Amino acid sequence: MSGDDSDELRGYWDKLSADGTVSVPIEKQMWGDVFGMCTDRFGITWMVNISEQQASAGSLLMAATTSRLFPVGDAGHPTD
């Protein structure tokens, strides 16, 4: 399951993981979403992904502007 309604998806997670086995705890992942994986009491494996809210146009513009002000080289270090 995937979506951006955190309360709804966490509710599903709580019910599916109860009396089941959690293989990946539901928590924020390196790609920015909240993700978890469990097997319910009937043996069905579930993956739950809660997407971050869409970024506003202003924050996207800020990110683009910042990357132009502070360019990064191939090794991940700021260039001169």
N, C-alpha and C. Protein backbone atom coordinates (compact mmCIF):
# COMPACT_ATOMS: atom_id res chain seq x y z
N MET A 1 0.84 -1.16 0.00
CA MET A 1 0.00 0.00 0.00
C MET A 1 0.89 1.22 0.00
N SER A 2 0.40 2.25 -0.67
CA SER A 2 1.17 3.48 -0.74
C SER A 2 0.23 4.67 -0.82
N GLY A 3 0.63 5.76 -0.21
CA GLY A 3 -0.16 6.98 -0.26
C GLY A 3 0.45 8.03 0.65
N ASP A 4 -0.27 9.14 0.83
CA ASP A 4 0.26 10.21 1.68
C ASP A 4 -0.61 10.48 2.91
N ASP A 5 -1.64 9.67 3.14
CA ASP A 5 -2.48 9.81 4.33
C ASP A 5 -1.88 8.98 5.46
N SER A 6 -1.02 9.62 6.24
CA SER A 6 -0.26 8.92 7.28
C SER A 6 -1.16 8.23 8.30
N ASP A 7 -2.19 8.92 8.77
CA ASP A 7 -3.06 8.33 9.78
C ASP A 7 -3.75 7.07 9.28
N GLU A 8 -4.27 7.12 8.06
CA GLU A 8 -4.96 5.96 7.49
C GLU A 8 -4.00 4.79 7.29
N LEU A 9 -2.85 5.06 6.70
CA LEU A 9 -1.90 3.97 6.42
C LEU A 9 -1.29 3.40 7.70
N ARG A 10 -1.05 4.24 8.69
CA ARG A 10 -0.54 3.72 9.97
C ARG A 10 -1.61 2.87 10.66
N GLY A 11 -2.88 3.23 10.48
CA GLY A 11 -3.96 2.41 11.02
C GLY A 11 -3.97 1.02 10.39
N TYR A 12 -3.81 0.97 9.06
CA TYR A 12 -3.70 -0.34 8.39
C TYR A 12 -2.50 -1.11 8.90
N TRP A 13 -1.37 -0.40 9.02
CA TRP A 13 -0.13 -1.03 9.50
C TRP A 13 -0.35 -1.66 10.87
N ASP A 14 -0.95 -0.90 11.78
CA ASP A 14 -1.17 -1.40 13.14
C ASP A 14 -2.00 -2.68 13.13
N LYS A 15 -3.03 -2.72 12.31
CA LYS A 15 -3.90 -3.90 12.25
C LYS A 15 -3.22 -5.08 11.56
N LEU A 16 -2.48 -4.80 10.48
CA LEU A 16 -1.83 -5.88 9.74
C LEU A 16 -0.66 -6.48 10.52
N SER A 17 0.07 -5.65 11.23
CA SER A 17 1.25 -6.15 11.95
C SER A 17 0.89 -6.78 13.30
N ALA A 18 -0.31 -6.50 13.82
CA ALA A 18 -0.74 -7.12 15.08
C ALA A 18 -0.83 -8.63 14.89
N ASP A 19 -0.25 -9.38 15.80
CA ASP A 19 -0.22 -10.85 15.71
C ASP A 19 0.49 -11.36 14.47
N GLY A 20 1.30 -10.50 13.84
CA GLY A 20 2.08 -10.90 12.67
C GLY A 20 3.56 -10.75 12.96
N THR A 21 4.34 -10.70 11.90
CA THR A 21 5.79 -10.56 12.01
C THR A 21 6.23 -9.33 11.24
N VAL A 22 6.94 -8.43 11.91
CA VAL A 22 7.46 -7.23 11.27
C VAL A 22 8.87 -7.53 10.78
N SER A 23 9.08 -7.42 9.46
CA SER A 23 10.42 -7.65 8.92
C SER A 23 11.18 -6.34 8.72
N VAL A 24 10.47 -5.25 8.44
CA VAL A 24 11.07 -3.92 8.36
C VAL A 24 10.16 -2.99 9.17
N PRO A 25 10.63 -2.48 10.31
CA PRO A 25 9.80 -1.59 11.11
C PRO A 25 9.39 -0.34 10.31
N ILE A 26 8.18 0.14 10.55
CA ILE A 26 7.73 1.32 9.81
C ILE A 26 8.42 2.55 10.38
N GLU A 27 9.28 3.16 9.54
CA GLU A 27 10.05 4.32 9.95
C GLU A 27 10.53 5.06 8.71
N LYS A 28 11.01 6.26 8.94
CA LYS A 28 11.51 7.09 7.83
C LYS A 28 12.71 6.42 7.18
N GLN A 29 12.70 6.36 5.87
CA GLN A 29 13.77 5.71 5.11
C GLN A 29 14.64 6.75 4.42
N MET A 30 15.77 6.30 3.87
CA MET A 30 16.73 7.22 3.27
C MET A 30 16.16 7.96 2.06
N TRP A 31 15.12 7.43 1.42
CA TRP A 31 14.54 8.10 0.27
C TRP A 31 13.48 9.13 0.69
N GLY A 32 13.24 9.27 2.00
CA GLY A 32 12.37 10.32 2.50
C GLY A 32 10.98 9.89 2.91
N ASP A 33 10.54 8.73 2.45
CA ASP A 33 9.22 8.23 2.82
C ASP A 33 9.30 7.39 4.09
N VAL A 34 8.15 7.15 4.69
CA VAL A 34 8.05 6.22 5.81
C VAL A 34 7.65 4.88 5.20
N PHE A 35 8.38 3.82 5.55
CA PHE A 35 8.16 2.51 4.93
C PHE A 35 8.27 1.42 5.98
N GLY A 36 7.48 0.39 5.81
CA GLY A 36 7.57 -0.79 6.65
C GLY A 36 7.07 -2.02 5.91
N MET A 37 7.50 -3.19 6.36
CA MET A 37 7.07 -4.44 5.75
C MET A 37 6.77 -5.44 6.85
N CYS A 38 5.64 -6.12 6.70
CA CYS A 38 5.25 -7.11 7.70
C CYS A 38 4.52 -8.26 7.02
N THR A 39 4.40 -9.35 7.76
CA THR A 39 3.60 -10.50 7.34
C THR A 39 2.48 -10.63 8.35
N ASP A 40 1.23 -10.60 7.85
CA ASP A 40 0.10 -10.66 8.77
C ASP A 40 -0.09 -12.07 9.33
N ARG A 41 -1.05 -12.23 10.22
CA ARG A 41 -1.27 -13.52 10.90
C ARG A 41 -1.71 -14.62 9.95
N PHE A 42 -2.10 -14.27 8.72
CA PHE A 42 -2.50 -15.27 7.73
C PHE A 42 -1.38 -15.63 6.77
N GLY A 43 -0.19 -15.01 6.95
CA GLY A 43 0.96 -15.31 6.11
C GLY A 43 1.09 -14.45 4.87
N ILE A 44 0.31 -13.39 4.79
CA ILE A 44 0.39 -12.48 3.64
C ILE A 44 1.35 -11.35 3.97
N THR A 45 2.30 -11.11 3.06
CA THR A 45 3.30 -10.06 3.25
C THR A 45 2.76 -8.74 2.72
N TRP A 46 2.97 -7.68 3.51
CA TRP A 46 2.50 -6.35 3.16
C TRP A 46 3.65 -5.36 3.22
N MET A 47 3.65 -4.42 2.28
CA MET A 47 4.58 -3.29 2.31
C MET A 47 3.73 -2.03 2.38
N VAL A 48 4.07 -1.15 3.31
CA VAL A 48 3.34 0.11 3.48
C VAL A 48 4.34 1.24 3.27
N ASN A 49 4.02 2.14 2.34
CA ASN A 49 4.87 3.28 2.04
C ASN A 49 4.04 4.56 2.19
N ILE A 50 4.47 5.44 3.09
CA ILE A 50 3.78 6.71 3.31
C ILE A 50 4.65 7.80 2.70
N SER A 51 4.16 8.38 1.62
CA SER A 51 4.91 9.41 0.89
C SER A 51 4.89 10.72 1.64
N GLU A 52 5.97 11.47 1.48
CA GLU A 52 5.99 12.83 2.01
C GLU A 52 5.03 13.67 1.21
N GLN A 53 4.51 14.72 1.83
CA GLN A 53 3.64 15.65 1.11
C GLN A 53 4.44 16.28 -0.02
N GLN A 54 3.76 16.65 -1.09
CA GLN A 54 4.43 17.28 -2.22
C GLN A 54 5.08 18.59 -1.77
N ALA A 55 6.27 18.83 -2.25
CA ALA A 55 6.98 20.06 -1.91
C ALA A 55 6.31 21.24 -2.61
N SER A 56 6.32 22.37 -1.97
CA SER A 56 5.74 23.56 -2.58
C SER A 56 6.67 24.10 -3.66
N ALA A 57 6.13 24.89 -4.55
CA ALA A 57 6.94 25.48 -5.62
C ALA A 57 8.05 26.33 -5.04
N GLY A 58 7.78 27.03 -3.94
CA GLY A 58 8.79 27.87 -3.30
C GLY A 58 9.97 27.08 -2.79
N SER A 59 9.70 25.91 -2.18
CA SER A 59 10.81 25.11 -1.66
C SER A 59 11.60 24.48 -2.79
N LEU A 60 10.95 24.15 -3.91
CA LEU A 60 11.67 23.62 -5.06
C LEU A 60 12.57 24.69 -5.66
N LEU A 61 12.06 25.92 -5.73
CA LEU A 61 12.86 27.03 -6.25
C LEU A 61 14.06 27.28 -5.35
N MET A 62 13.85 27.22 -4.03
CA MET A 62 14.94 27.43 -3.07
C MET A 62 16.01 26.35 -3.27
N ALA A 63 15.60 25.10 -3.44
CA ALA A 63 16.56 24.01 -3.63
C ALA A 63 17.34 24.22 -4.93
N ALA A 64 16.67 24.63 -5.99
CA ALA A 64 17.35 24.85 -7.27
C ALA A 64 18.32 26.01 -7.15
N THR A 65 17.92 27.09 -6.47
CA THR A 65 18.79 28.25 -6.30
C THR A 65 20.01 27.89 -5.46
N THR A 66 19.80 27.15 -4.38
CA THR A 66 20.91 26.76 -3.51
C THR A 66 21.91 25.90 -4.26
N SER A 67 21.43 24.98 -5.10
CA SER A 67 22.37 24.12 -5.82
C SER A 67 23.20 24.92 -6.82
N ARG A 68 22.66 26.03 -7.31
CA ARG A 68 23.45 26.87 -8.23
C ARG A 68 24.47 27.71 -7.45
N LEU A 69 24.10 28.10 -6.23
CA LEU A 69 25.02 28.90 -5.43
C LEU A 69 26.16 28.08 -4.87
N PHE A 70 25.89 26.82 -4.58
CA PHE A 70 26.88 25.93 -3.97
C PHE A 70 27.03 24.66 -4.81
N PRO A 71 27.63 24.78 -6.00
CA PRO A 71 27.77 23.59 -6.86
C PRO A 71 28.63 22.53 -6.19
N VAL A 72 28.33 21.30 -6.48
CA VAL A 72 29.05 20.16 -5.90
C VAL A 72 29.79 19.43 -6.99
N GLY A 73 31.05 19.10 -6.73
CA GLY A 73 31.87 18.37 -7.69
C GLY A 73 31.54 16.88 -7.71
N ASP A 74 32.25 16.12 -8.51
CA ASP A 74 32.01 14.68 -8.65
C ASP A 74 32.17 13.92 -7.35
N ALA A 75 33.06 14.37 -6.48
CA ALA A 75 33.33 13.64 -5.23
C ALA A 75 32.37 14.08 -4.11
N GLY A 76 31.41 14.95 -4.43
CA GLY A 76 30.47 15.41 -3.41
C GLY A 76 30.97 16.58 -2.60
N HIS A 77 32.09 17.16 -3.02
CA HIS A 77 32.65 18.31 -2.31
C HIS A 77 32.34 19.57 -3.10
N PRO A 78 32.15 20.69 -2.40
CA PRO A 78 31.90 21.95 -3.12
C PRO A 78 33.05 22.26 -4.06
N THR A 79 32.70 22.81 -5.21
CA THR A 79 33.73 23.21 -6.18
C THR A 79 34.13 24.64 -5.90
N ASP A 80 35.28 25.02 -6.42
CA ASP A 80 35.76 26.40 -6.22
C ASP A 80 35.13 27.35 -7.21
